[in-house]
Amino acid sequence: GPVRISFHRGRPRDEIWLALDLLVLTATDPDTQWRGVAVARPNKDQIEPVTLVKEVLGATGTERQANAVAALEVLVTQYQDGQCYPLPLFEKTSYEHHTGGKPKDAWDPAFGGGLPREGEDGYHVMAFGSLRYHELTQLEPGGYTLDGEAQRLWGTLAGAVTDLHEDDDEGAES
């Protein structure tokens, strides 16, 4: 399956691209149990590279294909909606919001000379104005919300693609 190697620290978009590759491969060839691997530079407090190993959920090709096609239908609809209306969907903020992380830290301006946050991105400001995180959570452009769009993207991916861990391969032939 697909392999992605990057020299930056892992980002949510790496997980999105890997999942999309797997969903498309599985939709077109469901009898192959595709695996995707992404390797990124270690995080600040780590020594080892960050490695993601994923596959589409399903015990049979038919189940994997059904999961892949259903997920792709949702994601293509989200993409089409985004072509018609600016969606409150942001790489890091939406990921942190969906996973229960620190979305406010990903969105709100960095004080003291830190790296710019998503809320300071010129395109985001152009589409939504200059907003603090609490204002972003109340925003409903076209009826779309941060929570709804984060769930539509990340919830869909979580329902179709799973993480594999080293112990998942016990007994597998090399």
Protein backbone atom coordinates (compact mmCIF):
# COMPACT_ATOMS: atom_id res chain seq x y z
CA GLY A 1 0.00 0.00 0.00
CA PRO A 2 0.94 3.65 0.15
CA VAL A 3 3.99 4.83 2.07
CA ARG A 4 4.57 8.46 2.98
CA ILE A 5 7.86 9.64 4.42
CA SER A 6 8.27 13.24 5.51
CA PHE A 7 10.98 15.27 7.13
CA HIS A 8 8.59 17.44 9.12
CA ARG A 9 6.85 16.53 12.34
CA GLY A 10 3.65 14.57 11.86
CA ARG A 11 0.57 16.62 11.02
CA PRO A 12 -3.11 15.73 10.85
CA ARG A 13 -3.05 16.16 7.06
CA ASP A 14 -0.62 13.22 6.83
CA GLU A 15 -3.27 11.03 8.40
CA ILE A 16 -5.93 12.39 6.03
CA TRP A 17 -3.85 11.75 2.90
CA LEU A 18 -2.90 8.27 4.05
CA ALA A 19 -6.54 7.41 4.83
CA LEU A 20 -7.72 8.77 1.46
CA ASP A 21 -5.14 6.68 -0.40
CA LEU A 22 -6.27 3.58 1.50
CA LEU A 23 -9.97 4.28 0.92
CA VAL A 24 -9.48 4.70 -2.83
CA LEU A 25 -7.26 1.62 -3.13
CA THR A 26 -9.73 -0.45 -1.12
CA ALA A 27 -12.75 0.79 -3.08
CA THR A 28 -11.08 -0.25 -6.35
CA ASP A 29 -9.39 -3.46 -5.14
CA PRO A 30 -11.11 -4.65 -1.95
CA ASP A 31 -9.68 -8.17 -2.00
CA THR A 32 -6.23 -6.83 -1.20
CA GLN A 33 -5.95 -5.88 2.46
CA TRP A 34 -4.09 -2.63 1.85
CA ARG A 35 -1.94 -1.09 4.54
CA GLY A 36 -0.66 2.43 4.59
CA VAL A 37 2.42 3.65 6.40
CA ALA A 38 3.44 7.22 7.19
CA VAL A 39 6.76 8.07 8.84
CA ALA A 40 7.51 11.56 10.12
CA ARG A 41 10.21 13.31 12.11
CA PRO A 42 10.03 12.71 15.89
CA ASN A 43 8.04 15.11 18.04
CA LYS A 44 10.00 17.44 20.31
CA ASP A 45 10.01 15.05 23.27
CA GLN A 46 10.66 11.86 21.28
CA ILE A 47 13.68 10.14 19.80
CA GLU A 48 11.97 7.66 17.48
CA PRO A 49 10.20 8.75 14.29
CA VAL A 50 6.40 8.96 14.38
CA THR A 51 4.97 6.03 12.46
CA LEU A 52 1.36 5.51 11.45
CA VAL A 53 0.22 2.14 10.12
CA LYS A 54 -3.39 2.00 8.99
CA GLU A 55 -5.85 -0.16 7.11
CA VAL A 56 -9.52 -0.02 6.14
CA LEU A 57 -11.86 -1.77 8.57
CA GLY A 58 -13.47 -5.04 7.48
CA ALA A 59 -12.77 -8.75 7.70
CA THR A 60 -13.65 -9.45 4.05
CA GLY A 61 -13.15 -7.63 0.78
CA THR A 62 -16.87 -6.92 0.61
CA GLU A 63 -16.87 -5.32 4.07
CA ARG A 64 -13.74 -3.30 3.35
CA GLN A 65 -15.16 -2.06 0.06
CA ALA A 66 -18.48 -1.09 1.66
CA ASN A 67 -16.64 0.84 4.41
CA ALA A 68 -14.36 2.55 1.91
CA VAL A 69 -17.14 3.56 -0.48
CA ALA A 70 -19.38 4.84 2.35
CA ALA A 71 -16.53 6.94 3.76
CA LEU A 72 -15.58 8.30 0.34
CA GLU A 73 -19.20 9.32 -0.31
CA VAL A 74 -19.23 11.38 2.89
CA LEU A 75 -15.83 12.93 2.20
CA VAL A 76 -16.63 13.78 -1.42
CA THR A 77 -19.87 15.44 -0.29
CA GLN A 78 -17.90 17.45 2.27
CA TYR A 79 -15.46 18.49 -0.45
CA GLN A 80 -18.34 19.52 -2.73
CA ASP A 81 -19.94 21.50 0.10
CA GLY A 82 -16.61 23.27 0.61
CA GLN A 83 -16.59 24.27 -3.06
CA CYS A 84 -19.91 26.06 -2.53
CA TYR A 85 -19.45 27.52 0.94
CA PRO A 86 -16.47 28.14 3.26
CA LEU A 87 -16.58 25.32 5.80
CA PRO A 88 -15.30 25.82 9.36
CA LEU A 89 -12.88 22.93 8.91
CA PHE A 90 -9.23 23.44 9.77
CA GLU A 91 -6.43 20.90 9.79
CA LYS A 92 -5.12 21.20 13.34
CA THR A 93 -8.00 22.91 15.12
CA SER A 94 -10.61 20.45 13.82
CA TYR A 95 -8.37 17.50 14.64
CA GLU A 96 -7.77 18.73 18.19
CA HIS A 97 -11.47 19.55 18.60
CA HIS A 98 -12.53 16.08 17.47
CA THR A 99 -9.92 14.17 19.49
CA GLY A 100 -10.42 16.15 22.69
CA GLY A 101 -7.00 17.77 22.43
CA LYS A 102 -6.27 21.50 22.72
CA PRO A 103 -8.07 23.16 19.80
CA LYS A 104 -7.85 26.59 21.40
CA ASP A 105 -4.04 26.32 21.31
CA ALA A 106 -4.14 25.40 17.62
CA TRP A 107 -6.46 28.32 16.74
CA ASP A 108 -5.92 31.33 18.98
CA PRO A 109 -3.09 33.76 18.21
CA ALA A 110 0.32 32.89 19.55
CA PHE A 111 1.50 35.45 22.05
CA GLY A 112 5.14 36.19 22.77
CA GLY A 113 6.50 35.56 19.28
CA GLY A 114 5.36 31.94 18.94
CA LEU A 115 4.49 30.32 15.65
CA PRO A 116 1.33 31.64 13.95
CA ARG A 117 -1.84 29.69 14.70
CA GLU A 118 -4.60 28.69 12.29
CA GLY A 119 -6.75 31.64 13.41
CA GLU A 120 -4.07 33.98 12.04
CA ASP A 121 -3.91 32.34 8.61
CA GLY A 122 -4.75 34.92 5.95
CA TYR A 123 -7.18 32.67 4.10
CA HIS A 124 -9.03 31.76 7.28
CA VAL A 125 -9.29 35.42 8.27
CA MET A 126 -10.53 36.29 4.78
CA ALA A 127 -13.25 33.61 4.94
CA PHE A 128 -14.37 33.95 8.57
CA GLY A 129 -12.90 37.16 9.94
CA SER A 130 -10.54 37.47 12.87
CA LEU A 131 -12.03 35.12 15.48
CA ARG A 132 -10.99 33.75 18.83
CA TYR A 133 -11.63 30.05 19.45
CA HIS A 134 -14.79 30.59 21.50
CA GLU A 135 -16.21 32.69 18.64
CA LEU A 136 -15.26 30.00 16.14
CA THR A 137 -17.24 27.38 18.09
CA GLN A 138 -20.35 29.58 17.82
CA LEU A 139 -19.94 30.24 14.10
CA GLU A 140 -22.50 28.62 11.75
CA PRO A 141 -21.80 29.80 8.19
CA GLY A 142 -24.43 28.21 5.96
CA GLY A 143 -25.46 25.98 8.87
CA TYR A 144 -22.03 24.35 9.05
CA THR A 145 -20.27 24.24 12.42
CA LEU A 146 -16.77 23.45 13.62
CA ASP A 147 -18.09 20.47 15.56
CA GLY A 148 -20.15 19.17 12.64
CA GLU A 149 -17.36 19.47 10.10
CA ALA A 150 -14.73 18.00 12.43
CA GLN A 151 -17.03 15.04 13.03
CA ARG A 152 -17.81 14.69 9.34
CA LEU A 153 -14.12 14.45 8.47
CA TRP A 154 -12.46 12.81 11.47
CA GLY A 155 -15.46 10.74 12.55
CA THR A 156 -15.80 9.36 9.03
CA LEU A 157 -12.11 8.47 8.89
CA ALA A 158 -12.21 6.88 12.35
CA GLY A 159 -15.23 4.79 11.32
CA ALA A 160 -13.53 3.47 8.18
CA VAL A 161 -9.79 3.30 8.87
CA THR A 162 -8.05 1.77 11.87
CA ASP A 163 -4.59 2.04 13.36
CA LEU A 164 -2.48 -1.09 13.38
CA HIS A 165 -0.04 -1.67 16.18
CA GLU A 166 3.05 -3.90 16.27
CA ASP A 167 1.22 -6.52 18.34
CA ASP A 168 -1.50 -6.73 15.63
CA ASP A 169 1.01 -8.57 13.41
CA GLU A 170 1.90 -11.34 15.87
CA GLY A 171 1.93 -14.65 14.09
CA ALA A 172 2.00 -13.02 10.65
CA GLU A 173 4.57 -14.31 8.22
CA SER A 174 7.47 -12.02 7.38
